[in-house]
Amino acid sequence: MIPTAALTFKRHIPGPPDEVFDAWTQPDVMRQWLAPGDNEVIEVTTDVCVGGRFRIRSIAPDGTLHTIDGSYRELAPGRRIVMTWSYSGSVELLCEMETLLEVDLSATNGGETAMTLTQTRIATPEAAEAYGDGWPTCFAKLDRAVAAAKRQ
């Protein structure tokens, strides 16, 4: 068996768990945040049901395309999402690897959401480092996307 790496991030998101759940599953909100750094999401398709598939395509400032595909393994609205996560694109160390994302959500006393993201089955330490560098930049955008949804 090949050893695998895992990442865990804990973050407070400025909105209720249902809105954060929607940010992970609804294309119009996913487009606002689910690409690292200066990359921009250009296409999102989802079939939000257990066994349903999703696809996220993003573009880097230099025009490089990146794609994430996966399927939903578990969905508990406002509480938990488990999905596979497979990258294809120019970052070779992330290609040909299916990881697993577990997103756990709970309400805080202050009206925010405590979110824990765990990504497992990462094939190499280098891939874990690449994902580890990218997720925090996505979470900064997630904060803004959820805050914008609250204003609407």
C-alpha atoms as a PDB file:
ATOM      1  CA  MET A   1       0.000   0.000   0.000  1.00  0.00           C
ATOM      2  CA  ILE A   2       1.337   3.435  -0.943  1.00  0.00           C
ATOM      3  CA  PRO A   3       1.387   5.890   1.979  1.00  0.00           C
ATOM      4  CA  THR A   4      -0.765   8.952   1.458  1.00  0.00           C
ATOM      5  CA  ALA A   5      -0.797  12.429   2.923  1.00  0.00           C
ATOM      6  CA  ALA A   6      -3.720  14.304   4.438  1.00  0.00           C
ATOM      7  CA  LEU A   7      -4.553  17.952   5.105  1.00  0.00           C
ATOM      8  CA  THR A   8      -6.939  19.481   7.611  1.00  0.00           C
ATOM      9  CA  PHE A   9      -8.066  23.099   7.688  1.00  0.00           C
ATOM     10  CA  LYS A  10     -10.301  24.669  10.328  1.00  0.00           C
ATOM     11  CA  ARG A  11     -11.884  28.006   9.584  1.00  0.00           C
ATOM     12  CA  HIS A  12     -14.758  30.216  10.696  1.00  0.00           C
ATOM     13  CA  ILE A  13     -16.856  31.432   7.776  1.00  0.00           C
ATOM     14  CA  PRO A  14     -19.013  34.592   8.196  1.00  0.00           C
ATOM     15  CA  GLY A  15     -22.391  33.030   7.538  1.00  0.00           C
ATOM     16  CA  PRO A  16     -24.728  30.219   8.625  1.00  0.00           C
ATOM     17  CA  PRO A  17     -24.022  26.561   7.773  1.00  0.00           C
ATOM     18  CA  ASP A  18     -26.758  26.382   5.110  1.00  0.00           C
ATOM     19  CA  GLU A  19     -25.125  29.219   3.158  1.00  0.00           C
ATOM     20  CA  VAL A  20     -21.682  27.639   3.447  1.00  0.00           C
ATOM     21  CA  PHE A  21     -23.140  24.312   2.281  1.00  0.00           C
ATOM     22  CA  ASP A  22     -24.628  26.138  -0.726  1.00  0.00           C
ATOM     23  CA  ALA A  23     -21.232  27.710  -1.428  1.00  0.00           C
ATOM     24  CA  TRP A  24     -19.822  24.176  -1.844  1.00  0.00           C
ATOM     25  CA  THR A  25     -22.700  22.862  -3.981  1.00  0.00           C
ATOM     26  CA  GLN A  26     -24.376  25.676  -5.966  1.00  0.00           C
ATOM     27  CA  PRO A  27     -22.655  26.648  -9.229  1.00  0.00           C
ATOM     28  CA  ASP A  28     -23.416  30.377  -8.981  1.00  0.00           C
ATOM     29  CA  VAL A  29     -21.619  30.588  -5.618  1.00  0.00           C
ATOM     30  CA  MET A  30     -18.880  28.046  -6.453  1.00  0.00           C
ATOM     31  CA  ARG A  31     -17.877  30.274  -9.396  1.00  0.00           C
ATOM     32  CA  GLN A  32     -17.019  33.046  -6.944  1.00  0.00           C
ATOM     33  CA  TRP A  33     -14.426  31.187  -4.907  1.00  0.00           C
ATOM     34  CA  LEU A  34     -13.460  27.648  -5.838  1.00  0.00           C
ATOM     35  CA  ALA A  35     -10.167  28.317  -7.648  1.00  0.00           C
ATOM     36  CA  PRO A  36      -6.864  29.116  -5.935  1.00  0.00           C
ATOM     37  CA  GLY A  37      -4.967  32.382  -6.082  1.00  0.00           C
ATOM     38  CA  ASP A  38      -5.673  34.594  -9.072  1.00  0.00           C
ATOM     39  CA  ASN A  39      -7.341  31.764 -10.985  1.00  0.00           C
ATOM     40  CA  GLU A  40     -10.945  32.366 -11.999  1.00  0.00           C
ATOM     41  CA  VAL A  41     -13.704  29.767 -12.236  1.00  0.00           C
ATOM     42  CA  ILE A  42     -15.163  29.771 -15.743  1.00  0.00           C
ATOM     43  CA  GLU A  43     -17.520  26.788 -15.619  1.00  0.00           C
ATOM     44  CA  VAL A  44     -19.260  24.742 -12.926  1.00  0.00           C
ATOM     45  CA  THR A  45     -21.680  21.864 -13.327  1.00  0.00           C
ATOM     46  CA  THR A  46     -23.175  19.949 -10.413  1.00  0.00           C
ATOM     47  CA  ASP A  47     -25.602  17.110  -9.839  1.00  0.00           C
ATOM     48  CA  VAL A  48     -26.045  17.533  -6.084  1.00  0.00           C
ATOM     49  CA  CYS A  49     -27.109  14.065  -4.961  1.00  0.00           C
ATOM     50  CA  VAL A  50     -25.227  11.118  -3.559  1.00  0.00           C
ATOM     51  CA  GLY A  51     -23.478   9.587  -6.567  1.00  0.00           C
ATOM     52  CA  GLY A  52     -23.936  12.803  -8.561  1.00  0.00           C
ATOM     53  CA  ARG A  53     -20.959  14.331 -10.328  1.00  0.00           C
ATOM     54  CA  PHE A  54     -19.514  17.828 -10.415  1.00  0.00           C
ATOM     55  CA  ARG A  55     -16.970  19.614 -12.593  1.00  0.00           C
ATOM     56  CA  ILE A  56     -15.129  22.883 -12.006  1.00  0.00           C
ATOM     57  CA  ARG A  57     -13.052  24.520 -14.737  1.00  0.00           C
ATOM     58  CA  SER A  58     -10.830  27.477 -13.994  1.00  0.00           C
ATOM     59  CA  ILE A  59      -8.363  29.619 -15.867  1.00  0.00           C
ATOM     60  CA  ALA A  60      -5.102  31.109 -14.648  1.00  0.00           C
ATOM     61  CA  PRO A  61      -4.066  34.663 -15.546  1.00  0.00           C
ATOM     62  CA  ASP A  62      -1.680  33.193 -18.165  1.00  0.00           C
ATOM     63  CA  GLY A  63      -4.570  31.320 -19.847  1.00  0.00           C
ATOM     64  CA  THR A  64      -3.751  27.867 -18.442  1.00  0.00           C
ATOM     65  CA  LEU A  65      -6.867  25.750 -17.887  1.00  0.00           C
ATOM     66  CA  HIS A  66      -7.431  23.587 -14.791  1.00  0.00           C
ATOM     67  CA  THR A  67     -10.242  21.084 -14.202  1.00  0.00           C
ATOM     68  CA  ILE A  68     -11.556  19.396 -11.061  1.00  0.00           C
ATOM     69  CA  ASP A  69     -13.945  16.460 -11.390  1.00  0.00           C
ATOM     70  CA  GLY A  70     -15.554  14.398  -8.691  1.00  0.00           C
ATOM     71  CA  SER A  71     -18.631  12.816  -7.243  1.00  0.00           C
ATOM     72  CA  TYR A  72     -20.650  13.335  -4.097  1.00  0.00           C
ATOM     73  CA  ARG A  73     -20.344  10.489  -1.591  1.00  0.00           C
ATOM     74  CA  GLU A  74     -22.313  11.996   1.292  1.00  0.00           C
ATOM     75  CA  LEU A  75     -24.554  15.060   1.554  1.00  0.00           C
ATOM     76  CA  ALA A  76     -26.123  16.308   4.783  1.00  0.00           C
ATOM     77  CA  PRO A  77     -27.360  19.849   4.018  1.00  0.00           C
ATOM     78  CA  GLY A  78     -25.897  22.412   6.382  1.00  0.00           C
ATOM     79  CA  ARG A  79     -23.729  19.784   8.096  1.00  0.00           C
ATOM     80  CA  ARG A  80     -21.479  17.647   5.916  1.00  0.00           C
ATOM     81  CA  ILE A  81     -20.249  17.007   2.376  1.00  0.00           C
ATOM     82  CA  VAL A  82     -17.997  14.147   1.308  1.00  0.00           C
ATOM     83  CA  MET A  83     -16.779  14.149  -2.288  1.00  0.00           C
ATOM     84  CA  THR A  84     -14.010  12.868  -4.475  1.00  0.00           C
ATOM     85  CA  TRP A  85     -11.646  15.451  -5.986  1.00  0.00           C
ATOM     86  CA  SER A  86      -9.556  14.781  -9.110  1.00  0.00           C
ATOM     87  CA  TYR A  87      -7.429  17.398 -10.836  1.00  0.00           C
ATOM     88  CA  SER A  88      -6.440  17.495 -14.498  1.00  0.00           C
ATOM     89  CA  GLY A  89      -4.321  20.207 -16.043  1.00  0.00           C
ATOM     90  CA  SER A  90      -0.756  21.454 -16.205  1.00  0.00           C
ATOM     91  CA  VAL A  91       0.195  20.785 -12.553  1.00  0.00           C
ATOM     92  CA  GLU A  92       1.452  17.261 -13.207  1.00  0.00           C
ATOM     93  CA  LEU A  93       2.044  16.344  -9.568  1.00  0.00           C
ATOM     94  CA  LEU A  94      -1.718  16.645  -8.936  1.00  0.00           C
ATOM     95  CA  CYS A  95      -2.818  14.646 -11.994  1.00  0.00           C
ATOM     96  CA  GLU A  96      -3.973  11.021 -11.947  1.00  0.00           C
ATOM     97  CA  MET A  97      -4.858  11.166  -8.248  1.00  0.00           C
ATOM     98  CA  GLU A  98      -8.324  10.947  -6.735  1.00  0.00           C
ATOM     99  CA  THR A  99      -8.426  12.541  -3.301  1.00  0.00           C
ATOM    100  CA  LEU A 100     -11.303  12.653  -0.849  1.00  0.00           C
ATOM    101  CA  LEU A 101     -12.704  15.864   0.636  1.00  0.00           C
ATOM    102  CA  GLU A 102     -14.721  15.884   3.834  1.00  0.00           C
ATOM    103  CA  VAL A 103     -16.327  19.212   4.725  1.00  0.00           C
ATOM    104  CA  ASP A 104     -17.896  19.410   8.177  1.00  0.00           C
ATOM    105  CA  LEU A 105     -19.997  22.433   9.141  1.00  0.00           C
ATOM    106  CA  SER A 106     -21.470  23.585  12.453  1.00  0.00           C
ATOM    107  CA  ALA A 107     -23.051  26.807  13.678  1.00  0.00           C
ATOM    108  CA  THR A 108     -21.175  28.968  16.166  1.00  0.00           C
ATOM    109  CA  ASN A 109     -22.702  31.173  18.860  1.00  0.00           C
ATOM    110  CA  GLY A 110     -21.692  34.246  16.849  1.00  0.00           C
ATOM    111  CA  GLY A 111     -23.724  33.315  13.756  1.00  0.00           C
ATOM    112  CA  GLU A 112     -20.740  32.019  11.836  1.00  0.00           C
ATOM    113  CA  THR A 113     -19.955  28.534  10.589  1.00  0.00           C
ATOM    114  CA  ALA A 114     -17.120  26.448  11.960  1.00  0.00           C
ATOM    115  CA  MET A 115     -15.844  24.606   8.889  1.00  0.00           C
ATOM    116  CA  THR A 116     -13.367  21.748   8.919  1.00  0.00           C
ATOM    117  CA  LEU A 117     -12.017  20.596   5.561  1.00  0.00           C
ATOM    118  CA  THR A 118     -10.083  17.335   5.501  1.00  0.00           C
ATOM    119  CA  GLN A 119      -8.468  16.176   2.273  1.00  0.00           C
ATOM    120  CA  THR A 120      -7.142  12.617   2.297  1.00  0.00           C
ATOM    121  CA  ARG A 121      -5.636  10.136  -0.159  1.00  0.00           C
ATOM    122  CA  ILE A 122      -3.109  12.695  -1.427  1.00  0.00           C
ATOM    123  CA  ALA A 123      -0.446  10.606  -3.160  1.00  0.00           C
ATOM    124  CA  THR A 124       2.721  12.568  -2.350  1.00  0.00           C
ATOM    125  CA  PRO A 125       4.016  15.140   0.128  1.00  0.00           C
ATOM    126  CA  GLU A 126       4.622  17.506  -2.812  1.00  0.00           C
ATOM    127  CA  ALA A 127       0.973  17.228  -3.871  1.00  0.00           C
ATOM    128  CA  ALA A 128      -0.098  17.842  -0.268  1.00  0.00           C
ATOM    129  CA  GLU A 129       2.054  20.968  -0.218  1.00  0.00           C
ATOM    130  CA  ALA A 130       0.487  22.214  -3.470  1.00  0.00           C
ATOM    131  CA  TYR A 131      -3.044  21.657  -2.165  1.00  0.00           C
ATOM    132  CA  GLY A 132      -2.017  23.133   1.191  1.00  0.00           C
ATOM    133  CA  ASP A 133      -0.858  26.314  -0.527  1.00  0.00           C
ATOM    134  CA  GLY A 134      -4.029  26.623  -2.624  1.00  0.00           C
ATOM    135  CA  TRP A 135      -6.840  26.054  -0.139  1.00  0.00           C
ATOM    136  CA  PRO A 136      -6.212  29.145   2.053  1.00  0.00           C
ATOM    137  CA  THR A 137      -6.457  31.402  -1.005  1.00  0.00           C
ATOM    138  CA  CYS A 138      -9.795  29.771  -1.869  1.00  0.00           C
ATOM    139  CA  PHE A 139     -11.062  30.248   1.696  1.00  0.00           C
ATOM    140  CA  ALA A 140     -10.395  34.004   1.537  1.00  0.00           C
ATOM    141  CA  LYS A 141     -12.653  34.114  -1.540  1.00  0.00           C
ATOM    142  CA  LEU A 142     -15.200  31.866   0.219  1.00  0.00           C
ATOM    143  CA  ASP A 143     -15.485  34.388   3.058  1.00  0.00           C
ATOM    144  CA  ARG A 144     -16.297  37.122   0.532  1.00  0.00           C
ATOM    145  CA  ALA A 145     -18.747  34.920  -1.423  1.00  0.00           C
ATOM    146  CA  VAL A 146     -20.740  33.969   1.681  1.00  0.00           C
ATOM    147  CA  ALA A 147     -20.745  37.572   2.924  1.00  0.00           C
ATOM    148  CA  ALA A 148     -22.015  38.724  -0.496  1.00  0.00           C
ATOM    149  CA  ALA A 149     -24.780  36.088  -0.442  1.00  0.00           C
ATOM    150  CA  LYS A 150     -25.929  37.428   2.940  1.00  0.00           C
ATOM    151  CA  ARG A 151     -26.306  40.955   1.483  1.00  0.00           C
ATOM    152  CA  GLN A 152     -28.514  39.768  -1.380  1.00  0.00           C
END
